């Protein structure tokens, strides 16, 4: 699944992992028009964030 297909607030991981820990789960945030990327932050730490392009492959098939 691609980042742009996720809804705002949906959980995902960057690598396939069927049962990730809290630090491996990310939350999709808002779209930043100036950077043309989506802001994503960690589930357990909102101060850790990254910008991902909409075409980046992510995984949301997990038990969390």
PDB file of N, CA and C in Angstrom:
ATOM      1  N   UNK A   1       0.849  -1.163   0.000  1.00  0.00           N
ATOM      2  CA  UNK A   1       0.000   0.000   0.000  1.00  0.00           C
ATOM      3  C   UNK A   1       0.902   1.235   0.000  1.00  0.00           C
ATOM      4  N   UNK A   2       0.460   2.284  -0.618  1.00  0.00           N
ATOM      5  CA  UNK A   2       1.235   3.524  -0.697  1.00  0.00           C
ATOM      6  C   UNK A   2       0.762   4.501   0.383  1.00  0.00           C
ATOM      7  N   UNK A   3       1.632   5.426   0.739  1.00  0.00           N
ATOM      8  CA  UNK A   3       1.320   6.391   1.793  1.00  0.00           C
ATOM      9  C   UNK A   3       0.102   7.233   1.421  1.00  0.00           C
ATOM     10  N   UNK A   4      -0.017   7.612   0.160  1.00  0.00           N
ATOM     11  CA  UNK A   4      -1.145   8.458  -0.240  1.00  0.00           C
ATOM     12  C   UNK A   4      -2.487   7.715  -0.178  1.00  0.00           C
ATOM     13  N   UNK A   5      -2.471   6.383  -0.123  1.00  0.00           N
ATOM     14  CA  UNK A   5      -3.710   5.606  -0.018  1.00  0.00           C
ATOM     15  C   UNK A   5      -4.195   5.467   1.425  1.00  0.00           C
ATOM     16  N   UNK A   6      -3.341   5.779   2.391  1.00  0.00           N
ATOM     17  CA  UNK A   6      -3.728   5.714   3.798  1.00  0.00           C
ATOM     18  C   UNK A   6      -4.546   6.939   4.167  1.00  0.00           C
ATOM     19  N   UNK A   7      -5.407   6.793   5.147  1.00  0.00           N
ATOM     20  CA  UNK A   7      -6.154   7.928   5.668  1.00  0.00           C
ATOM     21  C   UNK A   7      -5.348   8.585   6.778  1.00  0.00           C
ATOM     22  N   UNK A   8      -5.637   9.833   7.039  1.00  0.00           N
ATOM     23  CA  UNK A   8      -4.946  10.552   8.101  1.00  0.00           C
ATOM     24  C   UNK A   8      -5.220   9.869   9.441  1.00  0.00           C
ATOM     25  N   UNK A   9      -4.153   9.569  10.189  1.00  0.00           N
ATOM     26  CA  UNK A   9      -4.289   8.913  11.487  1.00  0.00           C
ATOM     27  C   UNK A   9      -4.169   7.405  11.439  1.00  0.00           C
ATOM     28  N   UNK A  10      -3.983   6.830  10.254  1.00  0.00           N
ATOM     29  CA  UNK A  10      -3.854   5.373  10.124  1.00  0.00           C
ATOM     30  C   UNK A  10      -2.454   4.918  10.497  1.00  0.00           C
ATOM     31  N   UNK A  11      -2.365   3.727  11.097  1.00  0.00           N
ATOM     32  CA  UNK A  11      -1.086   3.154  11.517  1.00  0.00           C
ATOM     33  C   UNK A  11      -0.459   2.355  10.382  1.00  0.00           C
ATOM     34  N   UNK A  12       0.888   2.353  10.337  1.00  0.00           N
ATOM     35  CA  UNK A  12       1.612   1.560   9.347  1.00  0.00           C
ATOM     36  C   UNK A  12       3.027   1.319   9.836  1.00  0.00           C
ATOM     37  N   UNK A  13       3.731   0.407   9.164  1.00  0.00           N
ATOM     38  CA  UNK A  13       5.150   0.177   9.400  1.00  0.00           C
ATOM     39  C   UNK A  13       5.886   0.387   8.081  1.00  0.00           C
ATOM     40  N   UNK A  14       7.167   0.706   8.187  1.00  0.00           N
ATOM     41  CA  UNK A  14       7.961   0.924   6.980  1.00  0.00           C
ATOM     42  C   UNK A  14       8.448  -0.387   6.376  1.00  0.00           C
ATOM     43  N   UNK A  15       8.595  -1.415   7.204  1.00  0.00           N
ATOM     44  CA  UNK A  15       9.037  -2.731   6.744  1.00  0.00           C
ATOM     45  C   UNK A  15       7.978  -3.756   7.129  1.00  0.00           C
ATOM     46  N   UNK A  16       7.837  -4.841   6.370  1.00  0.00           N
ATOM     47  CA  UNK A  16       6.824  -5.846   6.721  1.00  0.00           C
ATOM     48  C   UNK A  16       7.158  -6.516   8.051  1.00  0.00           C
ATOM     49  N   UNK A  17       6.234  -6.426   8.990  1.00  0.00           N
ATOM     50  CA  UNK A  17       6.408  -7.007  10.311  1.00  0.00           C
ATOM     51  C   UNK A  17       5.019  -7.345  10.846  1.00  0.00           C
ATOM     52  N   UNK A  18       4.696  -8.640  11.056  1.00  0.00           N
ATOM     53  CA  UNK A  18       3.344  -9.004  11.475  1.00  0.00           C
ATOM     54  C   UNK A  18       2.990  -8.567  12.896  1.00  0.00           C
ATOM     55  N   UNK A  19       3.970  -8.431  13.789  1.00  0.00           N
ATOM     56  CA  UNK A  19       3.679  -7.977  15.153  1.00  0.00           C
ATOM     57  C   UNK A  19       4.762  -6.999  15.608  1.00  0.00           C
ATOM     58  N   UNK A  20       4.662  -5.733  15.204  1.00  0.00           N
ATOM     59  CA  UNK A  20       5.693  -4.745  15.517  1.00  0.00           C
ATOM     60  C   UNK A  20       5.600  -4.239  16.952  1.00  0.00           C
ATOM     61  N   UNK A  21       6.700  -3.700  17.442  1.00  0.00           N
ATOM     62  CA  UNK A  21       6.688  -3.040  18.745  1.00  0.00           C
ATOM     63  C   UNK A  21       6.178  -1.608  18.557  1.00  0.00           C
ATOM     64  N   UNK A  22       5.957  -0.898  19.653  1.00  0.00           N
ATOM     65  CA  UNK A  22       5.430   0.466  19.575  1.00  0.00           C
ATOM     66  C   UNK A  22       6.346   1.408  18.808  1.00  0.00           C
ATOM     67  N   UNK A  23       7.653   1.210  18.913  1.00  0.00           N
ATOM     68  CA  UNK A  23       8.580   2.122  18.253  1.00  0.00           C
ATOM     69  C   UNK A  23       8.670   1.899  16.744  1.00  0.00           C
ATOM     70  N   UNK A  24       8.113   0.801  16.233  1.00  0.00           N
ATOM     71  CA  UNK A  24       8.146   0.522  14.798  1.00  0.00           C
ATOM     72  C   UNK A  24       6.871   0.952  14.087  1.00  0.00           C
ATOM     73  N   UNK A  25       5.879   1.407  14.831  1.00  0.00           N
ATOM     74  CA  UNK A  25       4.598   1.804  14.245  1.00  0.00           C
ATOM     75  C   UNK A  25       4.588   3.308  14.021  1.00  0.00           C
ATOM     76  N   UNK A  26       4.183   3.714  12.828  1.00  0.00           N
ATOM     77  CA  UNK A  26       4.111   5.111  12.435  1.00  0.00           C
ATOM     78  C   UNK A  26       2.654   5.494  12.189  1.00  0.00           C
ATOM     79  N   UNK A  27       2.360   6.791  12.262  1.00  0.00           N
ATOM     80  CA  UNK A  27       1.011   7.328  12.043  1.00  0.00           C
ATOM     81  C   UNK A  27       1.094   8.345  10.923  1.00  0.00           C
ATOM     82  N   UNK A  28       0.207   8.207   9.933  1.00  0.00           N
ATOM     83  CA  UNK A  28       0.208   9.164   8.819  1.00  0.00           C
ATOM     84  C   UNK A  28      -0.419  10.465   9.277  1.00  0.00           C
ATOM     85  N   UNK A  29       0.233  11.559   8.925  1.00  0.00           N
ATOM     86  CA  UNK A  29      -0.243  12.887   9.293  1.00  0.00           C
ATOM     87  C   UNK A  29      -0.716  13.671   8.088  1.00  0.00           C
ATOM     88  N   UNK A  30      -0.536  14.970   8.151  1.00  0.00           N
ATOM     89  CA  UNK A  30      -0.989  15.881   7.101  1.00  0.00           C
ATOM     90  C   UNK A  30      -0.048  15.877   5.902  1.00  0.00           C
ATOM     91  N   UNK A  31      -0.563  16.393   4.801  1.00  0.00           N
ATOM     92  CA  UNK A  31       0.228  16.576   3.592  1.00  0.00           C
ATOM     93  C   UNK A  31       0.839  17.973   3.631  1.00  0.00           C
ATOM     94  N   UNK A  32       2.144  18.054   3.442  1.00  0.00           N
ATOM     95  CA  UNK A  32       2.847  19.329   3.430  1.00  0.00           C
ATOM     96  C   UNK A  32       3.019  19.767   1.977  1.00  0.00           C
ATOM     97  N   UNK A  33       2.310  20.819   1.594  1.00  0.00           N
ATOM     98  CA  UNK A  33       2.342  21.258   0.196  1.00  0.00           C
ATOM     99  C   UNK A  33       3.691  21.830  -0.219  1.00  0.00           C
ATOM    100  N   UNK A  34       4.387  22.452   0.699  1.00  0.00           N
ATOM    101  CA  UNK A  34       5.679  23.040   0.329  1.00  0.00           C
ATOM    102  C   UNK A  34       6.729  21.960   0.059  1.00  0.00           C
ATOM    103  N   UNK A  35       6.695  20.873   0.829  1.00  0.00           N
ATOM    104  CA  UNK A  35       7.638  19.769   0.624  1.00  0.00           C
ATOM    105  C   UNK A  35       7.088  18.724  -0.345  1.00  0.00           C
ATOM    106  N   UNK A  36       5.794  18.765  -0.609  1.00  0.00           N
ATOM    107  CA  UNK A  36       5.095  17.794  -1.456  1.00  0.00           C
ATOM    108  C   UNK A  36       5.264  16.368  -0.928  1.00  0.00           C
ATOM    109  N   UNK A  37       5.176  16.238   0.415  1.00  0.00           N
ATOM    110  CA  UNK A  37       5.308  14.943   1.067  1.00  0.00           C
ATOM    111  C   UNK A  37       4.354  14.869   2.247  1.00  0.00           C
ATOM    112  N   UNK A  38       4.151  13.650   2.756  1.00  0.00           N
ATOM    113  CA  UNK A  38       3.291  13.432   3.901  1.00  0.00           C
ATOM    114  C   UNK A  38       4.117  13.388   5.180  1.00  0.00           C
ATOM    115  N   UNK A  39       3.651  14.078   6.214  1.00  0.00           N
ATOM    116  CA  UNK A  39       4.338  14.041   7.499  1.00  0.00           C
ATOM    117  C   UNK A  39       3.829  12.832   8.276  1.00  0.00           C
ATOM    118  N   UNK A  40       4.756  12.056   8.828  1.00  0.00           N
ATOM    119  CA  UNK A  40       4.415  10.874   9.605  1.00  0.00           C
ATOM    120  C   UNK A  40       5.196  10.920  10.908  1.00  0.00           C
ATOM    121  N   UNK A  41       4.557  10.484  12.002  1.00  0.00           N
ATOM    122  CA  UNK A  41       5.244  10.464  13.282  1.00  0.00           C
ATOM    123  C   UNK A  41       5.091   9.098  13.925  1.00  0.00           C
ATOM    124  N   UNK A  42       5.984   8.793  14.855  1.00  0.00           N
ATOM    125  CA  UNK A  42       5.936   7.509  15.547  1.00  0.00           C
ATOM    126  C   UNK A  42       4.734   7.459  16.472  1.00  0.00           C
ATOM    127  N   UNK A  43       4.222   6.254  16.695  1.00  0.00           N
ATOM    128  CA  UNK A  43       3.067   6.064  17.556  1.00  0.00           C
ATOM    129  C   UNK A  43       3.382   6.457  18.996  1.00  0.00           C
ATOM    130  N   UNK A  44       4.567   6.109  19.484  1.00  0.00           N
ATOM    131  CA  UNK A  44       4.898   6.337  20.892  1.00  0.00           C
ATOM    132  C   UNK A  44       5.640   7.644  21.149  1.00  0.00           C
ATOM    133  N   UNK A  45       6.035   8.379  20.101  1.00  0.00           N
ATOM    134  CA  UNK A  45       6.787   9.612  20.282  1.00  0.00           C
ATOM    135  C   UNK A  45       6.432  10.583  19.166  1.00  0.00           C
ATOM    136  N   UNK A  46       5.631  11.589  19.470  1.00  0.00           N
ATOM    137  CA  UNK A  46       5.201  12.535  18.432  1.00  0.00           C
ATOM    138  C   UNK A  46       6.306  13.502  18.029  1.00  0.00           C
ATOM    139  N   UNK A  47       7.400  13.549  18.783  1.00  0.00           N
ATOM    140  CA  UNK A  47       8.517  14.415  18.415  1.00  0.00           C
ATOM    141  C   UNK A  47       9.416  13.788  17.362  1.00  0.00           C
ATOM    142  N   UNK A  48       9.262  12.496  17.109  1.00  0.00           N
ATOM    143  CA  UNK A  48      10.025  11.819  16.066  1.00  0.00           C
ATOM    144  C   UNK A  48       9.136  11.730  14.831  1.00  0.00           C
ATOM    145  N   UNK A  49       9.502  12.477  13.798  1.00  0.00           N
ATOM    146  CA  UNK A  49       8.680  12.473  12.594  1.00  0.00           C
ATOM    147  C   UNK A  49       9.568  12.414  11.367  1.00  0.00           C
ATOM    148  N   UNK A  50       8.951  12.104  10.243  1.00  0.00           N
ATOM    149  CA  UNK A  50       9.653  12.080   8.970  1.00  0.00           C
ATOM    150  C   UNK A  50       8.676  12.478   7.876  1.00  0.00           C
ATOM    151  N   UNK A  51       9.216  12.824   6.733  1.00  0.00           N
ATOM    152  CA  UNK A  51       8.413  13.140   5.560  1.00  0.00           C
ATOM    153  C   UNK A  51       8.578  12.018   4.553  1.00  0.00           C
ATOM    154  N   UNK A  52       7.463  11.477   4.081  1.00  0.00           N
ATOM    155  CA  UNK A  52       7.482  10.393   3.106  1.00  0.00           C
ATOM    156  C   UNK A  52       6.733  10.826   1.858  1.00  0.00           C
ATOM    157  N   UNK A  53       7.246  10.426   0.714  1.00  0.00           N
ATOM    158  CA  UNK A  53       6.542  10.730  -0.533  1.00  0.00           C
ATOM    159  C   UNK A  53       5.292   9.855  -0.634  1.00  0.00           C
ATOM    160  N   UNK A  54       4.342  10.295  -1.408  1.00  0.00           N
ATOM    161  CA  UNK A  54       3.082   9.574  -1.538  1.00  0.00           C
ATOM    162  C   UNK A  54       3.216   8.226  -2.208  1.00  0.00           C
ATOM    163  N   UNK A  55       4.278   8.025  -2.973  1.00  0.00           N
ATOM    164  CA  UNK A  55       4.466   6.757  -3.680  1.00  0.00           C
ATOM    165  C   UNK A  55       5.268   5.741  -2.869  1.00  0.00           C
ATOM    166  N   UNK A  56       5.664   6.082  -1.643  1.00  0.00           N
ATOM    167  CA  UNK A  56       6.444   5.169  -0.788  1.00  0.00           C
ATOM    168  C   UNK A  56       5.573   3.982  -0.356  1.00  0.00           C
ATOM    169  N   UNK A  57       6.103   2.773  -0.521  1.00  0.00           N
ATOM    170  CA  UNK A  57       5.403   1.555  -0.110  1.00  0.00           C
ATOM    171  C   UNK A  57       5.516   1.383   1.404  1.00  0.00           C
ATOM    172  N   UNK A  58       4.374   1.204   2.064  1.00  0.00           N
ATOM    173  CA  UNK A  58       4.322   0.945   3.495  1.00  0.00           C
ATOM    174  C   UNK A  58       3.408  -0.253   3.736  1.00  0.00           C
ATOM    175  N   UNK A  59       3.393  -0.746   4.959  1.00  0.00           N
ATOM    176  CA  UNK A  59       2.638  -1.966   5.281  1.00  0.00           C
ATOM    177  C   UNK A  59       1.702  -1.688   6.447  1.00  0.00           C
ATOM    178  N   UNK A  60       0.446  -2.049   6.286  1.00  0.00           N
ATOM    179  CA  UNK A  60      -0.497  -1.882   7.380  1.00  0.00           C
ATOM    180  C   UNK A  60      -1.195  -3.192   7.745  1.00  0.00           C
ATOM    181  N   UNK A  61      -0.734  -4.324   7.227  1.00  0.00           N
ATOM    182  CA  UNK A  61      -1.233  -5.645   7.616  1.00  0.00           C
ATOM    183  C   UNK A  61      -0.460  -6.112   8.834  1.00  0.00           C
ATOM    184  N   UNK A  62      -0.957  -5.756  10.015  1.00  0.00           N
ATOM    185  CA  UNK A  62      -0.244  -6.099  11.244  1.00  0.00           C
ATOM    186  C   UNK A  62      -1.236  -6.233  12.383  1.00  0.00           C
ATOM    187  N   UNK A  63      -0.798  -6.895  13.428  1.00  0.00           N
ATOM    188  CA  UNK A  63      -1.585  -7.007  14.651  1.00  0.00           C
ATOM    189  C   UNK A  63      -0.954  -6.071  15.658  1.00  0.00           C
ATOM    190  N   UNK A  64      -1.689  -5.016  16.016  1.00  0.00           N
ATOM    191  CA  UNK A  64      -1.128  -4.005  16.908  1.00  0.00           C
ATOM    192  C   UNK A  64      -2.087  -3.735  18.023  1.00  0.00           C
TER     193      UNK A  64
END
